[in-house]
Amino acid sequence: MIGFRRVFCLFLLSYCCICLSQAPAPEDLYVQVLAHPDRSAADSTQDITRKPAEIFRLLELKPGMTVLELGAGGGYTTELVSRIVGDQGVVYAQAFTGQSRLRNNRLPNVKALESMLLWELRKKTRLAGLNAGQADMVLVFFALHDMYLNNRIDKDRLYSDIRHFLKPGGRLVILDNAATPGSGLRDAARTHRIDEDLVKSEISSVGFELVAESNLLRNPQDDVTRSWQFTRPAGTHDRFALVFEKPR
């Protein structure tokens, strides 16, 4: 009997090890997602400057997560996040304009929010199925400067909504075009850039903790005093990456 139990336990241990070895590590998963045969050539071209695998590694994005993406736009990031979080995860994409990506149930775990209006965020996300404290991560990629330029968006309410949806320990991730350090919003309307120090200060002041930042997307050759549209080659803007965490 003892011998049988020992053999059975060794079998279970071997089986678990095999299963774990077959499950893709996050690093391998990011590579697989970027190489997905259904991706468009236009999206793949953007990988060169947007460095999604490195960004997702910084964020610690994993299968099964619930992600709220604000200012999703055409869906470059939405599609990648959808494939990473997988069948057990879900992506709520606000201001999503890439409806062609969803045809034929292509990305079944993406829920495109009906309204592009941030002041309807709680209502629309609730109708889509996202409730308070359910999101593992909120992404705002290259859209925060526009939110600050929209006088109809209450910034306190925006950050309150983000806190509302995030789990304790959930992450708020900001990627945006860098402005002249210390310039605040002075040049935002003209350049469509935002001061990194302003972002750090305002988000920290509402209770989030800055837990990571990266130089992955920095370009010291970019003239941050000019509009982002004049940066050449396209996509090589000086950009910052900030990861904040909601207190546990």
Protein backbone atom coordinates (compact mmCIF):
# COMPACT_ATOMS: atom_id res chain seq x y z
CA MET A 1 0.00 0.00 0.00
CA ILE A 2 2.83 2.39 0.93
CA GLY A 3 4.58 1.60 -2.32
CA PHE A 4 1.42 2.28 -4.32
CA ARG A 5 0.87 5.62 -2.60
CA ARG A 6 4.46 6.63 -3.25
CA VAL A 7 4.21 5.72 -6.93
CA PHE A 8 0.87 7.54 -7.22
CA CYS A 9 2.28 10.69 -5.59
CA LEU A 10 5.31 10.64 -7.88
CA PHE A 11 2.95 10.30 -10.86
CA LEU A 12 0.92 13.32 -9.74
CA LEU A 13 4.07 15.36 -9.19
CA SER A 14 5.40 14.46 -12.64
CA TYR A 15 2.05 15.27 -14.24
CA CYS A 16 1.90 18.70 -12.57
CA CYS A 17 5.47 19.47 -13.64
CA ILE A 18 4.65 18.54 -17.24
CA CYS A 19 1.52 20.76 -17.19
CA LEU A 20 3.46 23.68 -15.75
CA SER A 21 6.22 23.27 -18.32
CA GLN A 22 3.68 23.31 -21.13
CA ALA A 23 1.90 26.46 -19.93
CA PRO A 24 3.48 29.49 -21.63
CA ALA A 25 5.32 31.83 -19.31
CA PRO A 26 4.22 35.48 -19.60
CA GLU A 27 7.41 36.23 -21.53
CA ASP A 28 6.64 33.51 -24.09
CA LEU A 29 2.99 34.56 -24.20
CA TYR A 30 3.86 38.14 -25.17
CA VAL A 31 6.01 36.86 -28.04
CA GLN A 32 3.26 34.50 -29.18
CA VAL A 33 0.66 37.27 -29.14
CA LEU A 34 2.85 39.60 -31.20
CA ALA A 35 3.40 36.80 -33.72
CA HIS A 36 -0.31 35.92 -33.98
CA PRO A 37 -1.09 35.22 -37.66
CA ASP A 38 -4.32 37.23 -37.53
CA ARG A 39 -2.58 40.52 -36.73
CA SER A 40 -2.50 43.19 -39.41
CA ALA A 41 0.73 44.37 -41.02
CA ALA A 42 -0.08 47.91 -39.87
CA ASP A 43 -0.25 46.78 -36.25
CA SER A 44 2.95 44.77 -36.50
CA THR A 45 4.76 47.79 -37.91
CA GLN A 46 3.81 49.82 -34.81
CA ASP A 47 5.48 47.24 -32.58
CA ILE A 48 8.88 48.67 -33.50
CA THR A 49 8.30 51.99 -31.73
CA ARG A 50 5.61 51.01 -29.19
CA LYS A 51 7.55 48.03 -27.77
CA PRO A 52 4.46 46.22 -26.49
CA ALA A 53 6.22 43.11 -25.14
CA GLU A 54 8.50 45.23 -22.97
CA ILE A 55 5.59 47.40 -21.83
CA PHE A 56 3.44 44.39 -20.89
CA ARG A 57 6.37 42.98 -18.94
CA LEU A 58 6.59 46.25 -17.02
CA LEU A 59 2.85 46.14 -16.28
CA GLU A 60 2.90 42.44 -15.35
CA LEU A 61 -0.15 41.85 -17.52
CA LYS A 62 -1.33 38.23 -17.13
CA PRO A 63 -3.98 35.80 -18.38
CA GLY A 64 -7.31 36.02 -16.58
CA MET A 65 -7.08 39.72 -15.76
CA THR A 66 -9.93 42.21 -16.07
CA VAL A 67 -8.71 45.36 -17.82
CA LEU A 68 -10.41 48.72 -18.37
CA GLU A 69 -8.88 50.69 -21.24
CA LEU A 70 -9.73 54.40 -21.44
CA GLY A 71 -9.35 56.13 -24.78
CA ALA A 72 -8.97 52.82 -26.61
CA GLY A 73 -9.24 54.39 -30.07
CA GLY A 74 -8.56 52.12 -33.03
CA GLY A 75 -7.73 49.13 -30.85
CA TYR A 76 -4.04 48.41 -31.39
CA THR A 77 -3.54 47.91 -27.66
CA THR A 78 -7.03 46.46 -27.13
CA GLU A 79 -6.34 43.53 -29.44
CA LEU A 80 -3.02 42.67 -27.82
CA VAL A 81 -4.43 42.90 -24.29
CA SER A 82 -7.41 40.77 -25.35
CA ARG A 83 -5.17 37.95 -26.49
CA ILE A 84 -2.96 38.15 -23.39
CA VAL A 85 -5.77 38.02 -20.81
CA GLY A 86 -7.37 35.20 -22.80
CA ASP A 87 -10.66 33.39 -22.39
CA GLN A 88 -10.73 33.86 -18.63
CA GLY A 89 -10.06 37.60 -18.87
CA VAL A 90 -12.01 40.54 -20.25
CA VAL A 91 -11.20 43.96 -21.71
CA TYR A 92 -13.62 46.88 -21.37
CA ALA A 93 -12.65 49.36 -24.10
CA GLN A 94 -13.89 52.94 -23.67
CA ALA A 95 -13.97 55.24 -26.72
CA PHE A 96 -13.23 52.21 -28.91
CA THR A 97 -13.40 52.96 -32.65
CA GLY A 98 -11.97 49.73 -34.04
CA GLN A 99 -15.23 47.86 -34.51
CA SER A 100 -13.85 45.95 -37.51
CA ARG A 101 -11.56 44.10 -35.09
CA LEU A 102 -14.62 42.58 -33.41
CA ARG A 103 -16.31 41.17 -36.51
CA ASN A 104 -17.13 37.47 -36.58
CA ASN A 105 -16.54 37.24 -32.82
CA ARG A 106 -12.83 37.75 -33.47
CA LEU A 107 -12.06 39.13 -29.99
CA PRO A 108 -14.88 37.68 -27.89
CA ASN A 109 -13.54 38.95 -24.57
CA VAL A 110 -13.61 42.62 -25.63
CA LYS A 111 -16.59 44.69 -24.51
CA ALA A 112 -16.71 47.98 -26.40
CA LEU A 113 -18.44 50.60 -24.26
CA GLU A 114 -21.29 52.31 -26.10
CA SER A 115 -20.41 55.85 -25.10
CA MET A 116 -17.19 57.79 -25.65
CA LEU A 117 -18.15 60.18 -22.85
CA LEU A 118 -16.01 59.75 -19.75
CA TRP A 119 -18.65 61.35 -17.53
CA GLU A 120 -20.89 58.35 -18.34
CA LEU A 121 -18.14 55.89 -17.46
CA ARG A 122 -19.67 54.35 -14.34
CA LYS A 123 -23.07 53.94 -15.99
CA LYS A 124 -21.78 52.41 -19.22
CA THR A 125 -19.27 50.07 -17.60
CA ARG A 126 -21.91 48.85 -15.14
CA LEU A 127 -24.24 48.07 -18.04
CA ALA A 128 -21.40 46.22 -19.75
CA GLY A 129 -20.81 44.11 -16.65
CA LEU A 130 -17.93 45.81 -14.83
CA ASN A 131 -18.67 46.63 -11.21
CA ALA A 132 -16.78 48.33 -8.40
CA GLY A 133 -13.48 46.72 -7.40
CA GLN A 134 -13.34 44.26 -10.30
CA ALA A 135 -10.60 45.67 -12.54
CA ASP A 136 -7.04 44.45 -12.16
CA MET A 137 -5.71 47.21 -14.37
CA VAL A 138 -6.76 50.51 -15.97
CA LEU A 139 -4.83 51.59 -19.06
CA VAL A 140 -4.65 55.16 -20.39
CA PHE A 141 -2.31 55.05 -23.39
CA PHE A 142 -1.57 58.37 -25.14
CA ALA A 143 -4.96 59.79 -24.19
CA LEU A 144 -4.53 61.53 -20.84
CA HIS A 145 -3.38 64.80 -22.42
CA ASP A 146 -6.64 64.95 -24.41
CA MET A 147 -8.66 64.28 -21.25
CA TYR A 148 -6.96 67.23 -19.59
CA LEU A 149 -7.73 69.42 -22.59
CA ASN A 150 -11.45 68.60 -22.44
CA ASN A 151 -13.02 71.12 -20.08
CA ARG A 152 -16.10 68.90 -19.72
CA ILE A 153 -14.06 66.20 -18.00
CA ASP A 154 -13.81 66.61 -14.24
CA LYS A 155 -10.35 65.28 -13.35
CA ASP A 156 -11.31 64.55 -9.74
CA ARG A 157 -14.26 62.51 -10.96
CA LEU A 158 -12.09 60.74 -13.52
CA TYR A 159 -9.63 59.55 -10.90
CA SER A 160 -12.48 58.73 -8.52
CA ASP A 161 -14.03 56.52 -11.21
CA ILE A 162 -10.70 54.77 -11.79
CA ARG A 163 -10.35 54.08 -8.06
CA HIS A 164 -13.97 52.86 -8.04
CA PHE A 165 -13.31 50.15 -10.62
CA LEU A 166 -9.85 49.03 -9.51
CA LYS A 167 -9.29 46.24 -7.02
CA PRO A 168 -7.13 47.04 -3.99
CA GLY A 169 -3.62 46.64 -5.38
CA GLY A 170 -4.91 47.19 -8.93
CA ARG A 171 -2.80 49.22 -11.32
CA LEU A 172 -3.32 52.44 -13.25
CA VAL A 173 -0.92 52.69 -16.19
CA ILE A 174 -0.22 55.95 -18.03
CA LEU A 175 1.71 56.22 -21.29
CA ASP A 176 1.83 59.65 -22.92
CA ASN A 177 3.82 62.14 -24.96
CA ALA A 178 6.28 64.05 -22.78
CA ALA A 179 6.16 67.84 -22.61
CA THR A 180 8.84 70.25 -21.43
CA PRO A 181 9.59 69.35 -17.79
CA GLY A 182 7.82 71.69 -15.40
CA SER A 183 5.49 73.09 -18.09
CA GLY A 184 2.31 71.62 -16.63
CA LEU A 185 -0.49 72.09 -19.16
CA ARG A 186 0.96 75.28 -20.63
CA ASP A 187 1.71 73.79 -24.05
CA ALA A 188 -0.73 70.87 -24.09
CA ALA A 189 -3.26 72.37 -26.50
CA ARG A 190 -0.56 73.23 -29.02
CA THR A 191 1.69 70.19 -28.72
CA HIS A 192 -0.66 67.41 -27.51
CA ARG A 193 1.90 66.56 -24.86
CA ILE A 194 1.66 66.57 -21.07
CA ASP A 195 4.18 67.27 -18.33
CA GLU A 196 5.25 64.01 -16.66
CA ASP A 197 5.78 65.71 -13.30
CA LEU A 198 2.22 67.05 -13.39
CA VAL A 199 0.86 63.55 -14.00
CA LYS A 200 2.88 62.10 -11.12
CA SER A 201 1.80 64.88 -8.78
CA GLU A 202 -1.91 64.80 -9.57
CA ILE A 203 -2.32 61.02 -9.52
CA SER A 204 -0.28 60.66 -6.34
CA SER A 205 -2.37 63.40 -4.70
CA VAL A 206 -5.55 61.31 -5.08
CA GLY A 207 -4.09 58.34 -3.26
CA PHE A 208 -2.29 56.27 -5.89
CA GLU A 209 1.28 55.10 -5.31
CA LEU A 210 3.85 55.30 -8.11
CA VAL A 211 5.33 51.79 -8.18
CA ALA A 212 7.20 51.72 -11.51
CA GLU A 213 8.37 53.95 -14.33
CA SER A 214 10.37 53.24 -17.43
CA ASN A 215 12.53 54.86 -20.09
CA LEU A 216 11.48 52.28 -22.69
CA LEU A 217 9.74 54.86 -24.87
CA ARG A 218 12.02 57.82 -24.25
CA ASN A 219 13.64 59.67 -27.12
CA PRO A 220 15.94 62.52 -26.04
CA GLN A 221 16.23 63.63 -29.68
CA ASP A 222 12.54 64.54 -29.85
CA ASP A 223 11.87 68.27 -29.63
CA VAL A 224 9.20 68.32 -26.92
CA THR A 225 8.50 72.01 -27.53
CA ARG A 226 6.90 71.14 -30.88
CA SER A 227 3.63 69.37 -31.68
CA TRP A 228 3.88 65.56 -31.58
CA GLN A 229 2.80 65.61 -35.26
CA PHE A 230 6.20 66.97 -36.26
CA THR A 231 8.17 64.14 -34.66
CA ARG A 232 10.01 62.14 -37.30
CA PRO A 233 10.20 59.25 -37.86
CA ALA A 234 6.56 58.87 -36.85
CA GLY A 235 6.10 57.13 -33.54
CA THR A 236 9.48 58.11 -32.11
CA HIS A 237 8.11 60.68 -29.66
CA ASP A 238 9.64 61.18 -26.27
CA ARG A 239 7.13 59.24 -24.17
CA PHE A 240 6.92 58.34 -20.51
CA ALA A 241 5.54 55.19 -18.88
CA LEU A 242 4.17 55.33 -15.33
CA VAL A 243 2.59 52.57 -13.24
CA PHE A 244 0.51 53.53 -10.20
CA GLU A 245 -1.13 51.23 -7.67
CA LYS A 246 -4.34 51.59 -5.69
CA PRO A 247 -3.63 51.05 -1.97
CA ARG A 248 -4.48 47.57 -0.69
